[in-house]
Amino acid sequence: MLGSPVWRGSPVLAFCAGLLVGGVLISAAFLVVGSVVRAPMPWWLRVALVAAWLVVMVARELGLLRFGLPENRRLVPETVFRLGRHLGPFQFGVEMGTGVRTYLPTGLPYVLVAAIALLASPVAAVVAGAGFGLGRCLMVLANLGYDAEGGWDRQWLAHHRQIKVLVTIVFVVMVTGAVLIGA
């Protein structure tokens, strides 16, 4: 679907804008809910909970632990495109950008949720949400650079272990850095 000529040009930009908006909206929601949860907790306990969850999720990413996480294993329906060439992809992007209406290929966003809910300032939450949306946008833009015969999928299958380890390491460094800067 994303390889279609319909997805070239400004509809892709509308979709990516929607991903960014969705990421920021969901991070703001987690910040609000987290503000209620974190109020009675000391700072050190919140950091310890996020760190413990990070360790568990890294072990899951590396295949040392196996357990499911709550997620919606359906894609956003194509009926969102009834809104037209730009507003449809924007709505689709918002829904995917929230991460709650589609499949997540990694558990690392669940660590981000805990970090936003328990530790983030409003600015950090917005940056994290935009980063989530931007990450999804980069995947779409990278996919568009491949042929329609499955070049992206072949590359993913050939390198997914290395990519997963690299992304996990970068994620751990970024979350640790953000927590230390926030301290």
C-alpha atoms as a PDB file:
ATOM      1  CA  MET A   1       0.000   0.000   0.000  1.00  0.00           C
ATOM      2  CA  LEU A   2       2.754   2.474   0.884  1.00  0.00           C
ATOM      3  CA  GLY A   3       4.551   1.717  -2.383  1.00  0.00           C
ATOM      4  CA  SER A   4       1.600   2.987  -4.399  1.00  0.00           C
ATOM      5  CA  PRO A   5       2.049   6.188  -6.430  1.00  0.00           C
ATOM      6  CA  VAL A   6      -0.816   7.631  -4.343  1.00  0.00           C
ATOM      7  CA  TRP A   7       1.603   7.631  -1.389  1.00  0.00           C
ATOM      8  CA  ARG A   8       4.211   9.767  -3.143  1.00  0.00           C
ATOM      9  CA  GLY A   9       4.544  13.476  -2.434  1.00  0.00           C
ATOM     10  CA  SER A  10       2.342  15.477  -0.103  1.00  0.00           C
ATOM     11  CA  PRO A  11       0.143  12.589   1.197  1.00  0.00           C
ATOM     12  CA  VAL A  12       3.295  11.109   2.732  1.00  0.00           C
ATOM     13  CA  LEU A  13       4.005  14.432   4.418  1.00  0.00           C
ATOM     14  CA  ALA A  14       0.428  14.536   5.735  1.00  0.00           C
ATOM     15  CA  PHE A  15       0.836  10.984   7.044  1.00  0.00           C
ATOM     16  CA  CYS A  16       4.142  11.850   8.751  1.00  0.00           C
ATOM     17  CA  ALA A  17       2.603  14.994  10.268  1.00  0.00           C
ATOM     18  CA  GLY A  18      -0.171  12.783  11.621  1.00  0.00           C
ATOM     19  CA  LEU A  19       2.400  10.391  13.110  1.00  0.00           C
ATOM     20  CA  LEU A  20       4.060  13.298  14.935  1.00  0.00           C
ATOM     21  CA  VAL A  21       0.735  14.680  16.189  1.00  0.00           C
ATOM     22  CA  GLY A  22      -0.359  11.218  17.344  1.00  0.00           C
ATOM     23  CA  GLY A  23       2.904  10.647  19.191  1.00  0.00           C
ATOM     24  CA  VAL A  24       2.657  13.990  20.980  1.00  0.00           C
ATOM     25  CA  LEU A  25      -1.017  13.443  21.872  1.00  0.00           C
ATOM     26  CA  ILE A  26      -0.439  10.015  23.389  1.00  0.00           C
ATOM     27  CA  SER A  27       2.619  11.163  25.319  1.00  0.00           C
ATOM     28  CA  ALA A  28       0.581  14.047  26.744  1.00  0.00           C
ATOM     29  CA  ALA A  29      -2.097  11.568  27.817  1.00  0.00           C
ATOM     30  CA  PHE A  30       0.499   9.367  29.547  1.00  0.00           C
ATOM     31  CA  LEU A  31       1.971  12.453  31.224  1.00  0.00           C
ATOM     32  CA  VAL A  32      -1.444  13.439  32.635  1.00  0.00           C
ATOM     33  CA  VAL A  33      -2.232   9.931  33.883  1.00  0.00           C
ATOM     34  CA  GLY A  34       1.289   9.543  35.215  1.00  0.00           C
ATOM     35  CA  SER A  35       1.072  12.816  37.098  1.00  0.00           C
ATOM     36  CA  VAL A  36      -1.691  11.332  39.217  1.00  0.00           C
ATOM     37  CA  VAL A  37       0.200   8.069  39.761  1.00  0.00           C
ATOM     38  CA  ARG A  38       3.572   9.659  40.509  1.00  0.00           C
ATOM     39  CA  ALA A  39       2.321  12.256  42.989  1.00  0.00           C
ATOM     40  CA  PRO A  40       2.633  10.079  46.120  1.00  0.00           C
ATOM     41  CA  MET A  41       5.892   8.359  45.024  1.00  0.00           C
ATOM     42  CA  PRO A  42       9.382   9.520  45.925  1.00  0.00           C
ATOM     43  CA  TRP A  43      11.641  10.310  42.977  1.00  0.00           C
ATOM     44  CA  TRP A  44      14.041   7.424  43.664  1.00  0.00           C
ATOM     45  CA  LEU A  45      11.182   4.890  43.565  1.00  0.00           C
ATOM     46  CA  ARG A  46       9.971   6.204  40.212  1.00  0.00           C
ATOM     47  CA  VAL A  47      13.494   5.964  38.774  1.00  0.00           C
ATOM     48  CA  ALA A  48      13.880   2.443  40.189  1.00  0.00           C
ATOM     49  CA  LEU A  49      10.582   1.327  38.622  1.00  0.00           C
ATOM     50  CA  VAL A  50      11.519   2.697  35.202  1.00  0.00           C
ATOM     51  CA  ALA A  51      15.015   1.151  35.449  1.00  0.00           C
ATOM     52  CA  ALA A  52      13.603  -2.248  36.437  1.00  0.00           C
ATOM     53  CA  TRP A  53      11.073  -2.118  33.590  1.00  0.00           C
ATOM     54  CA  LEU A  54      13.872  -1.146  31.203  1.00  0.00           C
ATOM     55  CA  VAL A  55      15.921  -4.191  32.254  1.00  0.00           C
ATOM     56  CA  VAL A  56      12.910  -6.492  31.795  1.00  0.00           C
ATOM     57  CA  MET A  57      12.111  -5.075  28.363  1.00  0.00           C
ATOM     58  CA  VAL A  58      15.737  -5.245  27.185  1.00  0.00           C
ATOM     59  CA  ALA A  59      15.801  -8.901  28.240  1.00  0.00           C
ATOM     60  CA  ARG A  60      12.592  -9.407  26.250  1.00  0.00           C
ATOM     61  CA  GLU A  61      14.049  -7.643  23.195  1.00  0.00           C
ATOM     62  CA  LEU A  62      17.141  -9.844  23.317  1.00  0.00           C
ATOM     63  CA  GLY A  63      15.023 -12.996  23.570  1.00  0.00           C
ATOM     64  CA  LEU A  64      15.967 -13.802  27.169  1.00  0.00           C
ATOM     65  CA  LEU A  65      12.358 -13.416  28.346  1.00  0.00           C
ATOM     66  CA  ARG A  66       9.184 -14.175  26.450  1.00  0.00           C
ATOM     67  CA  PHE A  67       5.848 -12.630  27.328  1.00  0.00           C
ATOM     68  CA  GLY A  68       3.127 -10.781  25.501  1.00  0.00           C
ATOM     69  CA  LEU A  69       2.285  -7.126  25.883  1.00  0.00           C
ATOM     70  CA  PRO A  70      -1.069  -5.446  25.399  1.00  0.00           C
ATOM     71  CA  GLU A  71      -1.445  -4.281  21.839  1.00  0.00           C
ATOM     72  CA  ASN A  72      -4.004  -4.011  19.119  1.00  0.00           C
ATOM     73  CA  ARG A  73      -2.912  -6.467  16.436  1.00  0.00           C
ATOM     74  CA  ARG A  74      -5.079  -4.857  13.785  1.00  0.00           C
ATOM     75  CA  LEU A  75      -3.981  -2.240  11.352  1.00  0.00           C
ATOM     76  CA  VAL A  76      -5.824   1.019  11.079  1.00  0.00           C
ATOM     77  CA  PRO A  77      -8.677   0.406   8.608  1.00  0.00           C
ATOM     78  CA  GLU A  78      -8.344   1.826   5.126  1.00  0.00           C
ATOM     79  CA  THR A  79     -11.705   3.564   5.583  1.00  0.00           C
ATOM     80  CA  VAL A  80      -9.818   6.531   7.054  1.00  0.00           C
ATOM     81  CA  PHE A  81      -8.908   7.413   3.470  1.00  0.00           C
ATOM     82  CA  ARG A  82     -12.498   8.468   2.774  1.00  0.00           C
ATOM     83  CA  LEU A  83     -11.452  11.896   4.023  1.00  0.00           C
ATOM     84  CA  GLY A  84      -9.400  12.572   0.909  1.00  0.00           C
ATOM     85  CA  ARG A  85      -5.864  12.646  -0.385  1.00  0.00           C
ATOM     86  CA  HIS A  86      -4.353  14.596   2.554  1.00  0.00           C
ATOM     87  CA  LEU A  87      -6.747  14.493   5.484  1.00  0.00           C
ATOM     88  CA  GLY A  88      -7.131  10.705   5.192  1.00  0.00           C
ATOM     89  CA  PRO A  89      -3.388   9.991   5.445  1.00  0.00           C
ATOM     90  CA  PHE A  90      -3.161  12.581   8.246  1.00  0.00           C
ATOM     91  CA  GLN A  91      -5.874  10.773  10.248  1.00  0.00           C
ATOM     92  CA  PHE A  92      -4.220   7.426   9.501  1.00  0.00           C
ATOM     93  CA  GLY A  93      -0.935   8.899  10.760  1.00  0.00           C
ATOM     94  CA  VAL A  94      -2.505  10.239  13.952  1.00  0.00           C
ATOM     95  CA  GLU A  95      -4.015   6.837  14.705  1.00  0.00           C
ATOM     96  CA  MET A  96      -0.738   5.030  14.011  1.00  0.00           C
ATOM     97  CA  GLY A  97       1.245   7.708  15.825  1.00  0.00           C
ATOM     98  CA  THR A  98      -0.580   7.033  19.065  1.00  0.00           C
ATOM     99  CA  GLY A  99       0.619   3.426  18.914  1.00  0.00           C
ATOM    100  CA  VAL A 100      -2.587   2.203  20.540  1.00  0.00           C
ATOM    101  CA  ARG A 101      -4.475   1.277  17.405  1.00  0.00           C
ATOM    102  CA  THR A 102      -1.899  -0.813  15.621  1.00  0.00           C
ATOM    103  CA  TYR A 103       0.812  -3.413  16.040  1.00  0.00           C
ATOM    104  CA  LEU A 104       4.090  -2.454  17.731  1.00  0.00           C
ATOM    105  CA  PRO A 105       7.065  -4.499  16.466  1.00  0.00           C
ATOM    106  CA  THR A 106       9.050  -3.916  19.672  1.00  0.00           C
ATOM    107  CA  GLY A 107       8.358  -3.605  23.376  1.00  0.00           C
ATOM    108  CA  LEU A 108      10.606  -0.575  23.847  1.00  0.00           C
ATOM    109  CA  PRO A 109       7.739   1.954  23.573  1.00  0.00           C
ATOM    110  CA  TYR A 110       6.355   0.420  26.781  1.00  0.00           C
ATOM    111  CA  VAL A 111       9.492   1.632  28.562  1.00  0.00           C
ATOM    112  CA  LEU A 112       8.916   5.049  27.046  1.00  0.00           C
ATOM    113  CA  VAL A 113       5.370   5.002  28.438  1.00  0.00           C
ATOM    114  CA  ALA A 114       6.678   4.260  31.941  1.00  0.00           C
ATOM    115  CA  ALA A 115       9.376   6.928  31.651  1.00  0.00           C
ATOM    116  CA  ILE A 116       6.864   9.541  30.474  1.00  0.00           C
ATOM    117  CA  ALA A 117       4.293   8.611  33.098  1.00  0.00           C
ATOM    118  CA  LEU A 118       6.701   8.450  36.040  1.00  0.00           C
ATOM    119  CA  LEU A 119       9.548  10.836  35.209  1.00  0.00           C
ATOM    120  CA  ALA A 120       8.986  13.184  32.288  1.00  0.00           C
ATOM    121  CA  SER A 121       8.455  16.912  32.380  1.00  0.00           C
ATOM    122  CA  PRO A 122       5.910  18.309  29.924  1.00  0.00           C
ATOM    123  CA  VAL A 123       8.694  19.297  27.503  1.00  0.00           C
ATOM    124  CA  ALA A 124      10.337  15.863  27.755  1.00  0.00           C
ATOM    125  CA  ALA A 125       6.970  14.197  27.121  1.00  0.00           C
ATOM    126  CA  VAL A 126       6.423  16.257  23.959  1.00  0.00           C
ATOM    127  CA  VAL A 127       9.945  15.458  22.740  1.00  0.00           C
ATOM    128  CA  ALA A 128       9.455  11.734  23.454  1.00  0.00           C
ATOM    129  CA  GLY A 129       6.107  11.685  21.649  1.00  0.00           C
ATOM    130  CA  ALA A 130       7.532  13.524  18.669  1.00  0.00           C
ATOM    131  CA  GLY A 131      10.455  11.091  18.655  1.00  0.00           C
ATOM    132  CA  PHE A 132       8.058   8.140  18.577  1.00  0.00           C
ATOM    133  CA  GLY A 133       6.157   9.676  15.662  1.00  0.00           C
ATOM    134  CA  LEU A 134       9.376  10.591  13.878  1.00  0.00           C
ATOM    135  CA  GLY A 135      10.680   7.041  14.268  1.00  0.00           C
ATOM    136  CA  ARG A 136       7.561   5.672  12.630  1.00  0.00           C
ATOM    137  CA  CYS A 137       7.823   8.318   9.910  1.00  0.00           C
ATOM    138  CA  LEU A 138      11.429   7.363   9.155  1.00  0.00           C
ATOM    139  CA  MET A 139      10.388   3.728   8.715  1.00  0.00           C
ATOM    140  CA  VAL A 140       7.732   4.732   6.178  1.00  0.00           C
ATOM    141  CA  LEU A 141      10.110   7.009   4.273  1.00  0.00           C
ATOM    142  CA  ALA A 142      12.812   4.320   4.233  1.00  0.00           C
ATOM    143  CA  ASN A 143      10.317   1.742   2.985  1.00  0.00           C
ATOM    144  CA  LEU A 144       9.309   4.005   0.084  1.00  0.00           C
ATOM    145  CA  GLY A 145      12.910   3.912  -1.143  1.00  0.00           C
ATOM    146  CA  TYR A 146      12.693   0.178  -1.895  1.00  0.00           C
ATOM    147  CA  ASP A 147      11.156  -1.655  -4.802  1.00  0.00           C
ATOM    148  CA  ALA A 148       7.559  -2.857  -4.681  1.00  0.00           C
ATOM    149  CA  GLU A 149       8.662  -6.513  -4.918  1.00  0.00           C
ATOM    150  CA  GLY A 150       9.549  -6.806  -1.236  1.00  0.00           C
ATOM    151  CA  GLY A 151      13.058  -5.350  -1.111  1.00  0.00           C
ATOM    152  CA  TRP A 152      12.344  -3.791   2.272  1.00  0.00           C
ATOM    153  CA  ASP A 153      11.114  -7.103   3.686  1.00  0.00           C
ATOM    154  CA  ARG A 154      14.141  -8.999   2.329  1.00  0.00           C
ATOM    155  CA  GLN A 155      16.510  -6.509   3.935  1.00  0.00           C
ATOM    156  CA  TRP A 156      14.604  -6.672   7.225  1.00  0.00           C
ATOM    157  CA  LEU A 157      14.731 -10.471   7.293  1.00  0.00           C
ATOM    158  CA  ALA A 158      18.445 -10.443   6.508  1.00  0.00           C
ATOM    159  CA  HIS A 159      19.381  -7.907   9.199  1.00  0.00           C
ATOM    160  CA  HIS A 160      16.618  -7.786  11.812  1.00  0.00           C
ATOM    161  CA  ARG A 161      18.728  -9.269  14.655  1.00  0.00           C
ATOM    162  CA  GLN A 162      21.496  -6.708  14.245  1.00  0.00           C
ATOM    163  CA  ILE A 163      19.001  -3.859  13.868  1.00  0.00           C
ATOM    164  CA  LYS A 164      17.093  -4.969  16.954  1.00  0.00           C
ATOM    165  CA  VAL A 165      20.260  -5.084  19.076  1.00  0.00           C
ATOM    166  CA  LEU A 166      21.463  -1.716  17.758  1.00  0.00           C
ATOM    167  CA  VAL A 167      18.106  -0.038  18.333  1.00  0.00           C
ATOM    168  CA  THR A 168      17.911  -1.519  21.841  1.00  0.00           C
ATOM    169  CA  ILE A 169      21.383  -0.206  22.726  1.00  0.00           C
ATOM    170  CA  VAL A 170      20.601   3.269  21.389  1.00  0.00           C
ATOM    171  CA  PHE A 171      17.281   3.276  23.243  1.00  0.00           C
ATOM    172  CA  VAL A 172      18.923   2.307  26.555  1.00  0.00           C
ATOM    173  CA  VAL A 173      21.547   5.027  26.144  1.00  0.00           C
ATOM    174  CA  MET A 174      18.910   7.644  25.296  1.00  0.00           C
ATOM    175  CA  VAL A 175      16.559   6.752  28.172  1.00  0.00           C
ATOM    176  CA  THR A 176      19.453   6.578  30.639  1.00  0.00           C
ATOM    177  CA  GLY A 177      20.755   9.924  29.437  1.00  0.00           C
ATOM    178  CA  ALA A 178      17.317  11.516  29.689  1.00  0.00           C
ATOM    179  CA  VAL A 179      16.861  10.223  33.248  1.00  0.00           C
ATOM    180  CA  LEU A 180      20.324  11.448  34.295  1.00  0.00           C
ATOM    181  CA  ILE A 181      19.770  14.867  32.714  1.00  0.00           C
ATOM    182  CA  GLY A 182      16.387  15.089  34.450  1.00  0.00           C
ATOM    183  CA  ALA A 183      18.000  14.264  37.791  1.00  0.00           C
END
